[in-house]
Protein backbone atom coordinates (compact mmCIF):
# COMPACT_ATOMS: atom_id res chain seq x y z
CA MET A 1 0.00 0.00 0.00
CA THR A 2 1.31 3.43 -0.97
CA LEU A 3 1.66 5.79 1.97
CA THR A 4 0.44 9.33 1.33
CA ALA A 5 0.82 12.61 3.18
CA THR A 6 0.46 16.32 2.53
CA LEU A 7 2.51 19.02 4.26
CA THR A 8 1.10 22.52 4.65
CA ARG A 9 3.24 25.45 5.77
CA ILE A 10 1.27 28.27 7.41
CA ARG A 11 3.17 31.52 7.93
CA LEU A 12 1.09 32.95 10.75
CA ASN A 13 -0.26 36.47 10.76
CA PRO A 14 0.68 37.96 14.18
CA ALA A 15 -2.00 40.63 13.75
CA SER A 16 -4.74 37.98 13.66
CA ARG A 17 -6.76 37.65 16.86
CA ALA A 18 -7.29 33.94 16.09
CA VAL A 19 -3.53 33.41 15.76
CA ARG A 20 -2.81 35.13 19.07
CA ARG A 21 -5.52 33.06 20.74
CA ASP A 22 -4.18 29.79 19.33
CA LEU A 23 -0.55 30.52 20.23
CA ALA A 24 -1.67 31.01 23.84
CA ASP A 25 -3.79 27.86 24.00
CA ARG A 26 -2.73 24.54 22.45
CA VAL A 27 -6.19 23.04 22.94
CA GLN A 28 -7.70 25.80 20.81
CA LEU A 29 -4.86 25.48 18.27
CA HIS A 30 -5.66 21.79 17.92
CA LYS A 31 -9.33 22.62 17.33
CA THR A 32 -8.44 25.18 14.67
CA LEU A 33 -6.18 22.76 12.78
CA MET A 34 -8.78 20.00 12.89
CA ARG A 35 -10.93 22.28 10.73
CA LEU A 36 -8.48 21.51 7.92
CA THR A 37 -9.65 17.88 7.87
CA PRO A 38 -13.45 17.72 7.74
CA GLY A 39 -14.74 14.22 7.30
CA THR A 40 -16.86 11.43 8.69
CA PRO A 41 -17.05 11.58 12.51
CA SER A 42 -14.99 8.89 14.21
CA PRO A 43 -13.77 8.03 17.71
CA HIS A 44 -10.24 9.15 16.74
CA PRO A 45 -10.61 12.06 14.27
CA ARG A 46 -7.03 13.39 14.56
CA ARG A 47 -5.46 9.98 14.12
CA ASP A 48 -7.77 9.08 11.24
CA ALA A 49 -6.92 12.36 9.50
CA GLY A 50 -3.21 11.78 10.10
CA LEU A 51 -2.96 15.31 11.51
CA LEU A 52 0.43 16.19 12.98
CA PHE A 53 1.90 19.64 13.43
CA ARG A 54 4.89 21.54 14.75
CA LEU A 55 5.20 25.19 15.63
CA GLU A 56 8.42 26.80 14.45
CA THR A 57 8.82 29.79 16.77
CA ASP A 58 10.81 32.28 14.74
CA PRO A 59 10.10 35.54 16.62
CA ASP A 60 9.81 37.45 13.33
CA GLU A 61 7.63 34.91 11.52
CA PRO A 62 6.05 32.07 13.56
CA THR A 63 5.20 29.17 11.26
CA LEU A 64 3.06 26.06 11.57
CA LEU A 65 3.96 22.89 9.70
CA VAL A 66 0.83 20.77 9.41
CA GLN A 67 0.78 17.24 7.98
CA THR A 68 -2.35 15.33 6.94
CA THR A 69 -2.99 12.12 5.02
CA ARG A 70 -5.23 13.97 2.54
CA PRO A 71 -5.00 17.46 1.03
CA PRO A 72 -6.33 19.91 3.62
CA ASN A 73 -9.36 22.14 3.33
CA LEU A 74 -7.58 25.49 3.69
CA ALA A 75 -10.92 27.30 3.65
CA GLY A 76 -11.43 25.90 7.15
CA LEU A 77 -8.83 28.26 8.60
CA PRO A 78 -9.99 31.55 10.18
CA ALA A 79 -9.87 34.57 7.89
CA HIS A 80 -6.45 36.27 7.65
CA TYR A 81 -4.86 33.46 9.67
CA GLY A 82 -1.73 33.40 7.53
CA THR A 83 -0.27 32.53 4.15
CA THR A 84 -0.23 28.88 3.14
CA ALA A 85 1.73 26.58 0.84
CA THR A 86 0.98 22.88 0.40
CA ARG A 87 3.26 20.08 -0.77
CA ASP A 88 2.50 16.45 -1.61
CA LEU A 89 4.91 14.26 0.39
CA THR A 90 3.95 11.01 -1.35
CA PRO A 91 6.93 11.11 -3.79
CA VAL A 92 9.27 11.92 -0.88
CA LEU A 93 8.05 8.88 1.09
CA ALA A 94 8.39 6.64 -1.97
CA ALA A 95 11.98 7.82 -2.56
CA LEU A 96 13.28 6.86 0.90
CA GLN A 97 16.06 4.30 0.54
CA PRO A 98 18.19 2.35 3.04
CA GLY A 99 21.66 3.82 3.36
CA ARG A 100 20.65 7.35 2.42
CA ARG A 101 21.72 10.07 4.87
CA VAL A 102 19.18 12.67 5.96
CA ARG A 103 18.78 15.65 8.25
CA TYR A 104 15.94 15.26 10.73
CA ARG A 105 13.89 17.39 13.09
CA ILE A 106 11.20 16.34 15.55
CA THR A 107 9.63 17.92 18.62
CA ALA A 108 8.68 15.17 21.04
CA THR A 109 7.74 14.42 24.65
CA PRO A 110 10.35 11.96 25.97
CA VAL A 111 8.99 10.27 29.08
CA ARG A 112 9.67 7.27 31.32
CA HIS A 113 6.75 5.51 32.97
CA THR A 114 7.15 4.53 36.60
CA PRO A 115 5.40 1.19 37.23
CA GLY A 116 2.14 1.62 39.14
CA THR A 117 1.52 0.06 42.52
CA PRO A 118 -0.13 -3.40 42.51
CA TYR A 119 -3.74 -3.60 43.61
CA GLY A 120 -4.82 -7.14 42.76
CA GLN A 121 -4.22 -10.29 40.77
CA ARG A 122 -6.01 -12.09 37.95
CA LEU A 123 -6.93 -15.76 38.13
CA ASP A 124 -3.98 -16.58 35.86
CA GLY A 125 -1.60 -14.95 38.33
CA THR A 126 -1.08 -11.70 36.40
CA VAL A 127 -0.50 -8.82 38.80
CA LEU A 128 -2.83 -5.85 38.29
CA ARG A 129 -1.19 -2.45 38.69
CA ARG A 130 -2.47 1.08 38.83
CA ARG A 131 -1.51 3.30 35.94
CA GLY A 132 2.11 4.43 36.21
CA ILE A 133 3.16 8.06 36.42
CA PRO A 134 5.03 9.45 33.37
CA THR A 135 8.26 11.29 34.20
CA ALA A 136 9.67 13.84 31.74
CA LEU A 137 13.22 13.11 30.55
CA ASP A 138 16.00 15.64 30.00
CA GLY A 139 19.61 15.64 28.82
CA THR A 140 21.25 12.29 28.19
CA ALA A 141 18.10 10.39 29.23
CA ALA A 142 16.07 12.27 26.63
CA ALA A 143 18.77 11.66 24.00
CA ALA A 144 18.73 7.93 24.81
CA TRP A 145 14.93 7.92 24.48
CA TRP A 146 15.16 9.49 21.01
CA GLN A 147 18.00 7.15 19.98
CA ARG A 148 15.77 4.19 20.82
CA ARG A 149 12.64 5.55 19.16
CA ALA A 150 14.57 6.61 16.04
CA GLY A 151 16.01 3.10 15.73
CA GLN A 152 12.50 1.65 15.92
CA ALA A 153 11.51 4.07 13.14
CA GLY A 154 14.25 3.01 10.73
CA LEU A 155 16.88 5.65 11.49
CA ASP A 156 20.47 5.22 12.70
CA LEU A 157 21.41 8.56 14.27
CA ASP A 158 24.76 10.21 13.61
CA ASP A 159 24.27 13.10 16.04
CA ILE A 160 21.61 14.74 18.23
CA THR A 161 21.06 18.36 19.25
CA LEU A 162 18.47 18.94 21.99
CA THR A 163 16.47 22.15 22.42
CA PRO A 164 14.08 22.09 25.42
CA ARG A 165 10.68 23.68 24.91
CA THR A 166 7.91 23.85 27.50
CA PHE A 167 4.39 25.13 26.96
CA GLU A 168 1.11 25.30 28.80
CA LEU A 169 -1.52 23.08 27.27
CA SER A 170 -4.20 25.69 27.85
CA THR A 171 -5.25 28.56 30.04
CA LEU A 172 -6.90 25.96 32.26
CA SER A 173 -3.56 24.49 33.33
CA ALA A 174 -3.18 26.86 36.28
CA ARG A 175 -6.38 25.39 37.71
CA LEU A 176 -5.86 21.84 36.46
CA PRO A 177 -2.33 20.68 37.41
CA GLY A 178 -0.75 18.09 35.15
CA LEU A 179 -1.80 19.66 31.85
CA ASP A 180 1.65 21.07 31.09
CA HIS A 181 3.66 19.29 28.38
CA HIS A 182 7.43 19.12 28.40
CA LEU A 183 8.74 19.19 24.84
CA ILE A 184 12.22 18.74 23.41
CA ARG A 185 13.19 19.44 19.82
CA PHE A 186 15.69 16.96 18.40
CA ASP A 187 17.79 17.94 15.37
CA GLY A 188 20.62 16.10 13.66
CA HIS A 189 21.74 13.73 10.92
CA ALA A 190 20.96 10.06 10.43
CA ARG A 191 21.18 7.14 8.02
CA ILE A 192 18.06 5.32 6.85
CA THR A 193 18.09 1.64 7.85
CA ASP A 194 14.49 0.71 6.98
CA ALA A 195 12.60 2.84 4.46
CA ARG A 196 9.20 1.28 5.15
CA LEU A 197 9.42 1.76 8.91
CA LEU A 198 10.58 5.33 8.40
CA ALA A 199 7.74 6.20 6.00
CA GLU A 200 5.23 4.75 8.46
CA ALA A 201 6.76 6.77 11.32
CA VAL A 202 6.57 9.98 9.27
CA CYS A 203 2.87 9.37 8.53
CA ARG A 204 1.93 8.08 12.00
CA GLY A 205 4.07 10.36 14.15
CA ILE A 206 6.29 9.40 17.08
CA GLY A 207 5.52 9.59 20.77
CA ARG A 208 2.87 11.26 22.89
CA ALA A 209 1.03 14.62 22.80
CA GLN A 210 0.55 14.55 19.04
CA SER A 211 -2.65 16.59 19.39
CA TYR A 212 -0.60 19.43 20.85
CA GLY A 213 2.34 19.82 18.50
CA ALA A 214 4.58 16.80 19.16
CA GLY A 215 5.51 13.83 16.99
CA LEU A 216 5.93 15.31 13.50
CA LEU A 217 9.17 13.95 11.99
CA SER A 218 10.65 16.11 9.23
CA LEU A 219 13.38 14.85 6.87
CA ALA A 220 15.62 16.57 4.32
CA PRO A 221 18.64 15.44 2.26
CA ALA A 222 21.88 15.63 4.27
């Protein structure tokens, strides 16, 4: 099956009230971007639309990179939201080859899950545990997390540069603790080891918090 994806670059208009609102509230930003992918209602609309995005925070020109499995409905954006350009990534995915070197960028949420405390046991002896608590990773632990996830996605990393980025999920987070997301941007060079795994990872995204700007893997020739 041929994997397909479309990448849309939105150069945001800082004068737009909708843009200012969305940059201050990732929940609202997610809702705005979902308007690009109208379709049949489903239990997992973002996942079914293949919607992934990353905010590039150039202070002079903030830009959103938005990826979808189908061409987006740009008319769904608020008026004067920004200027857009769309590119079909299907030929890029098809051209991925083992051994080729690439530059990569991804913003992700590296976490480690602490095992939950046991609270019971099934008849077969399996221990039942409460849900573990995710712990955000930094520094070498975060780099090791990305090294492992990249390997599972068909990339052998040559180098890694980490740039921490933290944001509030929404204006509710002051009243609802735990809604903050700890993000790290990973940049570097890598060699493709498995083209199919890599294409699937590009289309599916990597890691958690994909509704809020994490998980979009971008590739370019090295």
